Amino acid sequence: MSYATTLLQRLRTAGVEPSDSEDVKLKKQLLMFAMGLMTATPVLWLALYWMMGLDVSASLPFGYQLVSLATLITYLVTLNFNFFRAAQLVLFLFFPFVLQWKLGNFITASGVVLWGLLAPIGAILLYSPRESIPWFVAYVVLIAASAAIDYQLAGVVTVPAIPERASVVFFALNFIGMSSIVYFLLRFSTAERDKSQAHLEETHRALQAEQERSERLLLNILPGPVAERLKQDEGTIADGFADVTVMFADIVNFTTIAEGMSPNQIFSMLNKVFSSFDALAEKHGLEKIKTIGDAYMVAGGLDTDDSTNYSEKIALMALEMRDMLEHDLGVNEHRLQIRMGIGTGPVVAGVVGKKKFIYDLWGDTVNLASRITSEAVPGMIQVDATTYRRLRAKFDFDPPHTVYLKGKGDTVIYRMRGLKSDEAPRAAASG
């Protein structure tokens, strides 16, 4: 891109740079708009004087235009907006007074000094209300000084003879012209600020939507209180719970079933099954912990005010999971079978890692539930003695039996058949 092309591009964009804030962009556009109007106006006024047959020198307006264009070129080359802003406001302020002194006085100049008001008004828009005060004071001082000079020289100095009708016309034009410029500057400023505000609001809504999406993703990984603590950057998050019910569900012979399937088919099958389990966990207010290959882990008592009911909810979820895989071909077209183990007791829960973190459980209760699961047969739900004592009033169990568990020795476990006959209607009604 040539240098001339670069300057033309800067002229079209008012010298706006990508790093500029919305406020700076607006100020640059406003100043370029005001400069264009003030540069074009002298040409129009001189043309009107000429059409009315009045001999008014064009040297002063032409000089103003040259100086104004020189500041513009300097700005386009250097992108020094502070210089361009100050230089233009100085021209806005002094040129109308110099022009009046050239034309004679307030009357013969038709109140042209009114255009000087653009300097303090521009300072409000281009700087700030407080920084505009010196510009307004300067304008008032120049008005007062011009009036004092006119007063002292009245009747002493001969002023150019400008017809009264022409003077009246230009009084009206000066008022209309200045009022129009102020109006359009304020209108342009307000419209652009409204656009900027609308853009900011749209961006804010997009950020809120993204934040809500991130919140939902975080809550899909962590329990609500843990997610909140993680957002507060509490560092290591680990808690001990005295009583939690943990369940593992393991798909039987999954490796054999998956041998004749493509990766997409395996993923689709597991996704359907585990998504259905997720829905059941949400229905019962339980916390899914993780999936490990073809195993599914869920817990109750981590985020609830109910001190005992979560064990019952885990049991109901286990029964529903078993029934779903037995009867719902939409979920289990491959007729998968699962075995489940439930244990109740103390656990340690916490967030592991800083990147790709997970929420996990540790402790003897977790190991017990996992090993009970591995000892079960397809379709069986096995529980430990603590869980049995908590559930026996509402659920039917087979007689206890003892199994040897690695690291635990001989352990008494119970096989849960289902709800007692008098509890089934209540569970159906509540579900």
Protein backbone atom coordinates (compact mmCIF):
# COMPACT_ATOMS: atom_id res chain seq x y z
CA MET A 1 0.00 0.00 0.00
CA SER A 2 1.45 3.39 -1.06
CA TYR A 3 1.85 6.29 1.36
CA ALA A 4 -0.82 8.32 -0.47
CA THR A 5 -3.25 5.40 -0.22
CA THR A 6 -2.51 5.14 3.49
CA LEU A 7 -3.30 8.84 3.99
CA LEU A 8 -6.55 8.51 2.02
CA GLN A 9 -7.53 5.51 4.14
CA ARG A 10 -6.83 7.51 7.31
CA LEU A 11 -8.89 10.40 5.92
CA ARG A 12 -11.85 8.08 5.25
CA THR A 13 -11.69 6.63 8.76
CA ALA A 14 -10.94 9.96 10.51
CA GLY A 15 -7.59 8.54 11.60
CA VAL A 16 -9.23 5.91 13.80
CA GLU A 17 -6.80 3.19 14.91
CA PRO A 18 -7.72 -0.40 15.93
CA SER A 19 -6.43 0.25 19.46
CA ASP A 20 -8.67 3.30 19.96
CA SER A 21 -11.45 3.09 22.51
CA GLU A 22 -15.03 3.76 21.47
CA ASP A 23 -14.83 7.21 23.09
CA VAL A 24 -11.68 8.19 21.16
CA LYS A 25 -13.17 6.89 17.90
CA LEU A 26 -16.23 9.07 18.42
CA LYS A 27 -14.13 12.16 19.21
CA LYS A 28 -12.05 11.72 16.06
CA GLN A 29 -15.17 11.34 13.91
CA LEU A 30 -16.79 14.39 15.53
CA LEU A 31 -13.75 16.60 14.99
CA MET A 32 -13.40 15.54 11.36
CA PHE A 33 -17.11 16.28 10.81
CA ALA A 34 -16.86 19.74 12.46
CA MET A 35 -13.66 20.61 10.57
CA GLY A 36 -15.30 19.75 7.25
CA LEU A 37 -18.25 22.03 7.99
CA MET A 38 -16.07 24.90 9.17
CA THR A 39 -13.79 24.61 6.15
CA ALA A 40 -16.66 24.61 3.66
CA THR A 41 -18.65 27.43 5.29
CA PRO A 42 -16.31 30.35 4.32
CA VAL A 43 -16.58 29.33 0.66
CA LEU A 44 -20.36 29.45 0.86
CA TRP A 45 -20.36 32.79 2.67
CA LEU A 46 -17.97 34.36 0.15
CA ALA A 47 -20.12 33.06 -2.71
CA LEU A 48 -23.18 34.70 -1.13
CA TYR A 49 -21.34 38.00 -0.71
CA TRP A 50 -20.25 37.81 -4.36
CA MET A 51 -23.79 37.02 -5.56
CA MET A 52 -25.06 40.05 -3.64
CA GLY A 53 -22.46 42.26 -5.37
CA LEU A 54 -20.48 42.95 -2.21
CA ASP A 55 -16.70 43.31 -2.40
CA VAL A 56 -15.31 41.21 0.47
CA SER A 57 -11.71 40.01 0.46
CA ALA A 58 -11.29 36.23 0.21
CA SER A 59 -7.74 36.28 1.58
CA LEU A 60 -8.69 35.72 5.24
CA PRO A 61 -11.11 32.79 4.67
CA PHE A 62 -8.64 31.28 2.22
CA GLY A 63 -5.86 31.60 4.78
CA TYR A 64 -8.08 29.89 7.37
CA GLN A 65 -8.67 27.00 5.00
CA LEU A 66 -4.96 26.60 4.29
CA VAL A 67 -4.08 26.53 7.99
CA SER A 68 -6.95 24.12 8.71
CA LEU A 69 -5.88 21.77 5.92
CA ALA A 70 -2.28 21.97 7.13
CA THR A 71 -3.34 20.76 10.60
CA LEU A 72 -5.35 17.96 8.94
CA ILE A 73 -2.39 16.79 6.86
CA THR A 74 -0.15 16.89 9.92
CA TYR A 75 -2.68 14.78 11.79
CA LEU A 76 -3.01 12.23 8.97
CA VAL A 77 0.78 11.88 8.78
CA THR A 78 1.53 11.76 12.51
CA LEU A 79 -1.84 10.57 13.91
CA ASN A 80 -1.25 13.07 16.72
CA PHE A 81 -4.87 13.61 17.70
CA ASN A 82 -4.06 15.86 20.65
CA PHE A 83 -2.35 18.36 18.34
CA PHE A 84 -5.13 18.20 15.75
CA ARG A 85 -7.82 18.71 18.39
CA ALA A 86 -6.14 21.71 20.02
CA ALA A 87 -5.24 23.33 16.68
CA GLN A 88 -8.78 23.05 15.31
CA LEU A 89 -10.37 24.42 18.46
CA VAL A 90 -7.98 27.40 18.38
CA LEU A 91 -9.03 28.07 14.77
CA PHE A 92 -12.72 27.70 15.68
CA LEU A 93 -12.25 30.22 18.48
CA PHE A 94 -10.11 32.95 16.89
CA PHE A 95 -11.04 32.95 13.21
CA PRO A 96 -14.57 34.39 13.69
CA PHE A 97 -13.17 37.27 15.78
CA VAL A 98 -10.38 38.01 13.30
CA LEU A 99 -12.98 37.99 10.53
CA GLN A 100 -15.20 40.39 12.46
CA TRP A 101 -12.29 42.77 13.04
CA LYS A 102 -11.60 42.61 9.30
CA LEU A 103 -15.25 43.37 8.42
CA GLY A 104 -15.66 46.16 10.95
CA ASN A 105 -17.83 45.51 14.01
CA PHE A 106 -20.69 43.38 15.32
CA ILE A 107 -23.17 45.01 12.94
CA THR A 108 -21.18 45.02 9.72
CA ALA A 109 -19.90 41.49 10.41
CA SER A 110 -23.47 40.29 11.06
CA GLY A 111 -22.56 38.63 14.36
CA VAL A 112 -20.00 36.31 12.77
CA VAL A 113 -18.33 35.89 16.18
CA LEU A 114 -21.19 33.57 17.07
CA TRP A 115 -19.20 30.90 15.20
CA GLY A 116 -16.54 31.14 17.90
CA LEU A 117 -18.98 29.40 20.26
CA LEU A 118 -18.10 26.20 18.43
CA ALA A 119 -14.78 26.14 20.33
CA PRO A 120 -16.18 25.68 23.89
CA ILE A 121 -18.98 23.43 22.59
CA GLY A 122 -16.39 21.35 20.72
CA ALA A 123 -14.25 21.24 23.86
CA ILE A 124 -17.16 19.69 25.77
CA LEU A 125 -17.49 16.97 23.14
CA LEU A 126 -13.79 16.47 22.43
CA TYR A 127 -12.31 16.90 25.91
CA SER A 128 -14.63 16.95 28.92
CA PRO A 129 -17.07 19.39 30.54
CA ARG A 130 -14.42 20.53 33.04
CA GLU A 131 -11.73 20.99 30.39
CA SER A 132 -14.11 23.06 28.28
CA ILE A 133 -14.27 25.84 30.89
CA PRO A 134 -11.08 27.69 29.74
CA TRP A 135 -12.36 27.65 26.15
CA PHE A 136 -15.68 29.17 27.20
CA VAL A 137 -13.90 31.79 29.32
CA ALA A 138 -11.69 32.69 26.34
CA TYR A 139 -14.76 33.05 24.14
CA VAL A 140 -16.49 35.35 26.64
CA VAL A 141 -13.31 37.44 27.04
CA LEU A 142 -13.00 37.87 23.27
CA ILE A 143 -16.67 38.87 23.01
CA ALA A 144 -16.23 41.43 25.79
CA ALA A 145 -12.99 42.78 24.29
CA SER A 146 -14.55 43.12 20.83
CA ALA A 147 -17.56 44.88 22.30
CA ALA A 148 -15.33 47.29 24.26
CA ILE A 149 -13.29 48.13 21.17
CA ASP A 150 -16.43 48.65 19.08
CA TYR A 151 -17.83 50.88 21.84
CA GLN A 152 -14.68 53.00 22.00
CA LEU A 153 -14.35 53.33 18.22
CA ALA A 154 -18.04 53.94 17.52
CA GLY A 155 -18.35 57.09 15.37
CA VAL A 156 -14.58 57.50 15.19
CA VAL A 157 -13.50 54.81 12.72
CA THR A 158 -15.18 54.41 9.37
CA VAL A 159 -16.40 50.86 8.79
CA PRO A 160 -17.06 49.23 5.43
CA ALA A 161 -20.40 50.14 3.95
CA ILE A 162 -22.49 46.97 3.93
CA PRO A 163 -26.16 47.38 3.04
CA GLU A 164 -28.55 46.93 5.96
CA ARG A 165 -30.49 44.22 4.11
CA ALA A 166 -27.31 42.25 3.49
CA SER A 167 -26.39 42.62 7.13
CA VAL A 168 -29.81 41.30 8.21
CA VAL A 169 -29.53 38.34 5.83
CA PHE A 170 -26.10 37.39 7.16
CA PHE A 171 -27.23 37.82 10.75
CA ALA A 172 -29.91 35.24 10.03
CA LEU A 173 -27.47 32.99 8.14
CA ASN A 174 -24.89 33.13 10.91
CA PHE A 175 -27.47 32.20 13.53
CA ILE A 176 -28.91 29.44 11.34
CA GLY A 177 -25.49 28.16 10.30
CA MET A 178 -24.04 28.05 13.79
CA SER A 179 -27.21 26.58 15.28
CA SER A 180 -27.26 23.92 12.54
CA ILE A 181 -23.66 22.91 13.13
CA VAL A 182 -24.18 22.65 16.89
CA TYR A 183 -27.37 20.68 16.35
CA PHE A 184 -25.82 18.22 13.91
CA LEU A 185 -22.72 17.79 16.05
CA LEU A 186 -24.83 16.98 19.10
CA ARG A 187 -27.12 14.77 17.03
CA PHE A 188 -24.16 12.92 15.50
CA SER A 189 -22.53 12.53 18.91
CA THR A 190 -25.72 11.21 20.52
CA ALA A 191 -26.44 8.83 17.63
CA GLU A 192 -22.91 7.41 17.72
CA ARG A 193 -22.98 7.07 21.48
CA ASP A 194 -26.31 5.24 21.21
CA LYS A 195 -24.76 2.90 18.63
CA SER A 196 -21.77 2.36 20.87
CA GLN A 197 -24.03 1.72 23.86
CA ALA A 198 -26.11 -0.74 21.85
CA HIS A 199 -22.92 -2.50 20.77
CA LEU A 200 -21.67 -2.63 24.36
CA GLU A 201 -25.01 -4.02 25.54
CA GLU A 202 -24.93 -6.64 22.80
CA THR A 203 -21.37 -7.54 23.77
CA HIS A 204 -22.41 -7.67 27.42
CA ARG A 205 -25.31 -9.99 26.58
CA ALA A 206 -22.96 -12.21 24.59
CA LEU A 207 -20.52 -12.27 27.52
CA GLN A 208 -23.35 -13.10 29.91
CA ALA A 209 -24.51 -15.92 27.64
CA GLU A 210 -20.96 -17.24 27.45
CA GLN A 211 -20.58 -16.93 31.21
CA GLU A 212 -23.85 -18.81 31.75
CA ARG A 213 -22.66 -21.49 29.33
CA SER A 214 -19.38 -21.75 31.24
CA GLU A 215 -21.34 -21.94 34.50
CA ARG A 216 -23.46 -24.78 33.14
CA LEU A 217 -20.36 -26.62 31.93
CA LEU A 218 -18.72 -26.16 35.32
CA LEU A 219 -21.83 -27.40 37.11
CA ASN A 220 -21.84 -30.45 34.83
CA ILE A 221 -18.41 -31.29 36.21
CA LEU A 222 -18.67 -30.16 39.84
CA PRO A 223 -21.31 -29.90 42.56
CA GLY A 224 -22.70 -26.37 42.94
CA PRO A 225 -20.89 -25.40 46.19
CA VAL A 226 -17.59 -26.83 44.92
CA ALA A 227 -17.94 -24.93 41.62
CA GLU A 228 -18.54 -21.71 43.57
CA ARG A 229 -15.45 -22.29 45.69
CA LEU A 230 -13.38 -23.01 42.61
CA LYS A 231 -14.50 -19.70 41.06
CA GLN A 232 -13.38 -17.94 44.24
CA ASP A 233 -9.95 -19.55 43.74
CA GLU A 234 -9.75 -21.14 47.16
CA GLY A 235 -6.73 -23.21 46.12
CA THR A 236 -6.86 -26.85 47.12
CA ILE A 237 -10.45 -28.07 47.52
CA ALA A 238 -10.82 -31.23 49.62
CA ASP A 239 -13.59 -32.10 52.07
CA GLY A 240 -14.31 -34.98 54.36
CA PHE A 241 -17.85 -36.38 54.55
CA ALA A 242 -18.85 -38.68 57.39
CA ASP A 243 -21.70 -40.36 55.55
CA VAL A 244 -22.02 -40.73 51.77
CA THR A 245 -23.66 -43.43 49.69
CA VAL A 246 -21.62 -44.43 46.63
CA MET A 247 -22.73 -46.62 43.74
CA PHE A 248 -20.76 -48.16 40.91
CA ALA A 249 -22.43 -49.62 37.83
CA ASP A 250 -20.40 -51.82 35.52
CA ILE A 251 -21.43 -53.07 32.07
CA VAL A 252 -20.93 -56.84 31.95
CA ASN A 253 -18.64 -58.28 29.25
CA PHE A 254 -18.31 -54.90 27.58
CA THR A 255 -14.98 -55.74 25.93
CA THR A 256 -16.46 -58.80 24.25
CA ILE A 257 -19.52 -56.86 23.07
CA ALA A 258 -17.41 -54.03 21.66
CA GLU A 259 -15.07 -56.25 19.65
CA GLY A 260 -17.26 -56.30 16.55
CA MET A 261 -18.20 -52.62 16.70
CA SER A 262 -16.66 -49.49 15.17
CA PRO A 263 -15.42 -46.68 17.44
CA ASN A 264 -18.47 -44.54 16.50
CA GLN A 265 -20.84 -47.36 17.37
CA ILE A 266 -19.13 -47.91 20.73
CA PHE A 267 -19.30 -44.20 21.54
CA SER A 268 -22.94 -43.94 20.46
CA MET A 269 -23.91 -46.91 22.60
CA LEU A 270 -22.14 -45.68 25.74
CA ASN A 271 -23.36 -42.13 25.22
CA LYS A 272 -27.00 -43.26 25.08
CA VAL A 273 -26.67 -45.43 28.17
CA PHE A 274 -24.71 -42.98 30.30
CA SER A 275 -26.83 -40.00 29.21
CA SER A 276 -29.88 -41.92 30.41
CA PHE A 277 -28.10 -42.58 33.71
CA ASP A 278 -27.29 -38.86 33.96
CA ALA A 279 -30.99 -38.04 33.58
CA LEU A 280 -31.84 -40.44 36.41
CA ALA A 281 -29.15 -38.92 38.64
CA GLU A 282 -30.57 -35.44 37.99
CA LYS A 283 -34.10 -36.70 38.63
CA HIS A 284 -33.12 -38.03 42.07
CA GLY A 285 -30.87 -35.10 42.97
CA LEU A 286 -27.71 -37.21 43.07
CA GLU A 287 -24.18 -36.31 42.00
CA LYS A 288 -22.63 -38.10 39.06
CA ILE A 289 -18.94 -38.41 39.82
CA LYS A 290 -17.44 -39.87 36.65
CA THR A 291 -17.41 -42.61 34.07
CA ILE A 292 -14.41 -44.92 33.83
CA GLY A 293 -14.53 -46.79 30.56
CA ASP A 294 -17.71 -48.85 30.81
CA ALA A 295 -18.25 -48.09 34.53
CA TYR A 296 -20.46 -45.36 35.98
CA MET A 297 -20.08 -43.80 39.44
CA VAL A 298 -22.70 -41.76 41.30
CA ALA A 299 -22.96 -40.57 44.92
CA GLY A 300 -25.52 -39.13 47.31
CA GLY A 301 -24.90 -37.01 50.40
CA LEU A 302 -22.35 -34.61 48.93
CA ASP A 303 -24.68 -31.72 48.28
CA THR A 304 -27.98 -32.18 50.06
CA ASP A 305 -29.76 -31.09 53.22
CA ASP A 306 -31.41 -34.51 53.53
CA SER A 307 -29.27 -36.48 55.97
CA THR A 308 -30.60 -39.99 55.16
CA ASN A 309 -32.83 -40.01 52.09
CA TYR A 310 -29.96 -40.03 49.60
CA SER A 311 -29.30 -43.74 50.30
CA GLU A 312 -32.89 -44.49 49.30
CA LYS A 313 -32.51 -42.36 46.18
CA ILE A 314 -29.38 -44.27 45.18
CA ALA A 315 -31.29 -47.54 45.58
CA LEU A 316 -34.22 -46.29 43.49
CA MET A 317 -31.85 -45.09 40.79
CA ALA A 318 -30.14 -48.50 40.73
CA LEU A 319 -33.48 -50.25 40.22
CA GLU A 320 -34.45 -47.83 37.45
CA MET A 321 -31.08 -48.30 35.74
CA ARG A 322 -31.51 -52.05 35.77
CA ASP A 323 -35.10 -51.87 34.49
CA MET A 324 -34.12 -49.39 31.77
CA LEU A 325 -31.45 -51.69 30.37
CA GLU A 326 -33.79 -54.68 30.53
CA HIS A 327 -36.81 -53.09 28.84
CA ASP A 328 -35.84 -49.91 26.94
CA LEU A 329 -34.47 -50.98 23.54
CA GLY A 330 -34.19 -47.31 22.53
CA VAL A 331 -31.38 -47.04 25.07
CA ASN A 332 -30.14 -50.60 25.10
CA GLU A 333 -30.45 -51.95 21.57
CA HIS A 334 -27.47 -54.22 22.25
CA ARG A 335 -29.18 -55.71 25.34
CA LEU A 336 -26.42 -54.77 27.70
CA GLN A 337 -26.47 -55.94 31.30
CA ILE A 338 -25.02 -54.20 34.33
CA ARG A 339 -24.03 -55.14 37.83
CA MET A 340 -24.09 -52.62 40.65
CA GLY A 341 -22.55 -52.19 44.05
CA ILE A 342 -23.55 -49.71 46.76
CA GLY A 343 -21.59 -48.73 49.84
CA THR A 344 -22.21 -46.15 52.58
CA GLY A 345 -19.72 -44.48 54.86
CA PRO A 346 -17.08 -41.75 55.11
CA VAL A 347 -15.31 -40.41 52.02
CA VAL A 348 -12.91 -37.67 51.05
CA ALA A 349 -14.02 -35.55 48.09
CA GLY A 350 -12.02 -32.98 46.20
CA VAL A 351 -10.94 -31.39 42.95
CA VAL A 352 -7.92 -33.01 41.32
CA GLY A 353 -5.64 -31.03 39.02
CA LYS A 354 -5.52 -27.46 37.71
CA LYS A 355 -6.13 -28.23 34.04
CA LYS A 356 -8.77 -30.71 32.91
CA PHE A 357 -9.61 -31.09 36.58
CA ILE A 358 -12.09 -33.64 37.91
CA TYR A 359 -14.13 -34.00 41.07
CA ASP A 360 -13.45 -37.38 42.65
CA LEU A 361 -14.00 -39.44 45.80
CA TRP A 362 -11.54 -41.50 47.83
CA GLY A 363 -11.72 -43.72 50.83
CA ASP A 364 -12.65 -47.15 52.09
CA THR A 365 -16.32 -46.65 51.18
CA VAL A 366 -15.41 -46.05 47.53
CA ASN A 367 -13.19 -49.14 47.43
CA LEU A 368 -15.91 -51.21 49.07
CA ALA A 369 -18.58 -50.17 46.57
CA SER A 370 -16.22 -50.87 43.66
CA ARG A 371 -15.29 -54.35 44.90
CA ILE A 372 -18.90 -55.26 45.73
CA THR A 373 -19.71 -54.41 42.11
CA SER A 374 -17.01 -56.69 40.71
CA GLU A 375 -18.42 -59.60 42.79
CA ALA A 376 -21.95 -59.20 41.42
CA VAL A 377 -23.55 -61.10 38.56
CA PRO A 378 -25.49 -59.49 35.66
CA GLY A 379 -28.58 -57.63 36.80
CA MET A 380 -27.60 -57.82 40.47
CA ILE A 381 -27.51 -54.92 42.93
CA GLN A 382 -25.31 -55.60 45.95
CA VAL A 383 -25.02 -53.40 49.05
CA ASP A 384 -22.91 -53.35 52.16
CA ALA A 385 -24.23 -53.87 55.69
CA THR A 386 -24.56 -50.13 56.45
CA THR A 387 -26.64 -49.51 53.35
CA TYR A 388 -28.75 -52.61 54.07
CA ARG A 389 -29.64 -51.39 57.57
CA ARG A 390 -30.71 -48.04 56.11
CA LEU A 391 -32.85 -49.54 53.33
CA ARG A 392 -34.30 -52.76 54.74
CA ALA A 393 -37.56 -51.14 55.84
CA LYS A 394 -38.53 -50.23 52.26
CA PHE A 395 -36.61 -52.68 50.07
CA ASP A 396 -36.53 -56.47 49.80
CA PHE A 397 -33.19 -58.23 50.11
CA ASP A 398 -31.95 -61.78 49.79
CA PRO A 399 -30.41 -63.31 52.90
CA PRO A 400 -26.89 -62.05 53.60
CA HIS A 401 -23.87 -63.88 52.36
CA THR A 402 -20.17 -63.49 52.92
CA VAL A 403 -17.62 -62.90 50.19
CA TYR A 404 -13.90 -62.42 50.31
CA LEU A 405 -12.85 -58.97 49.07
CA LYS A 406 -9.27 -58.07 48.31
CA GLY A 407 -7.93 -55.77 51.00
CA LYS A 408 -11.10 -56.24 53.09
CA GLY A 409 -11.22 -59.93 53.89
CA ASP A 410 -14.52 -61.66 54.52
CA THR A 411 -17.33 -59.14 54.05
CA VAL A 412 -21.08 -59.50 54.53
CA ILE A 413 -23.10 -58.19 51.58
CA TYR A 414 -26.79 -58.17 50.63
CA ARG A 415 -28.47 -58.55 47.25
CA MET A 416 -31.31 -56.11 46.73
CA ARG A 417 -34.29 -57.44 44.79
CA GLY A 418 -36.49 -54.35 44.71
CA LEU A 419 -39.03 -52.28 46.63
CA LYS A 420 -41.33 -53.97 49.10
CA SER A 421 -44.77 -54.55 47.60
CA ASP A 422 -46.44 -51.89 49.75
CA GLU A 423 -43.74 -49.30 48.89
CA ALA A 424 -43.88 -49.70 45.09
CA PRO A 425 -47.06 -47.63 44.56
CA ARG A 426 -45.67 -44.78 46.66
CA ALA A 427 -42.40 -44.78 44.74
CA ALA A 428 -44.28 -44.75 41.44
CA ALA A 429 -46.42 -41.83 42.61
CA SER A 430 -43.41 -39.81 43.82
CA GLY A 431 -41.44 -40.56 40.65
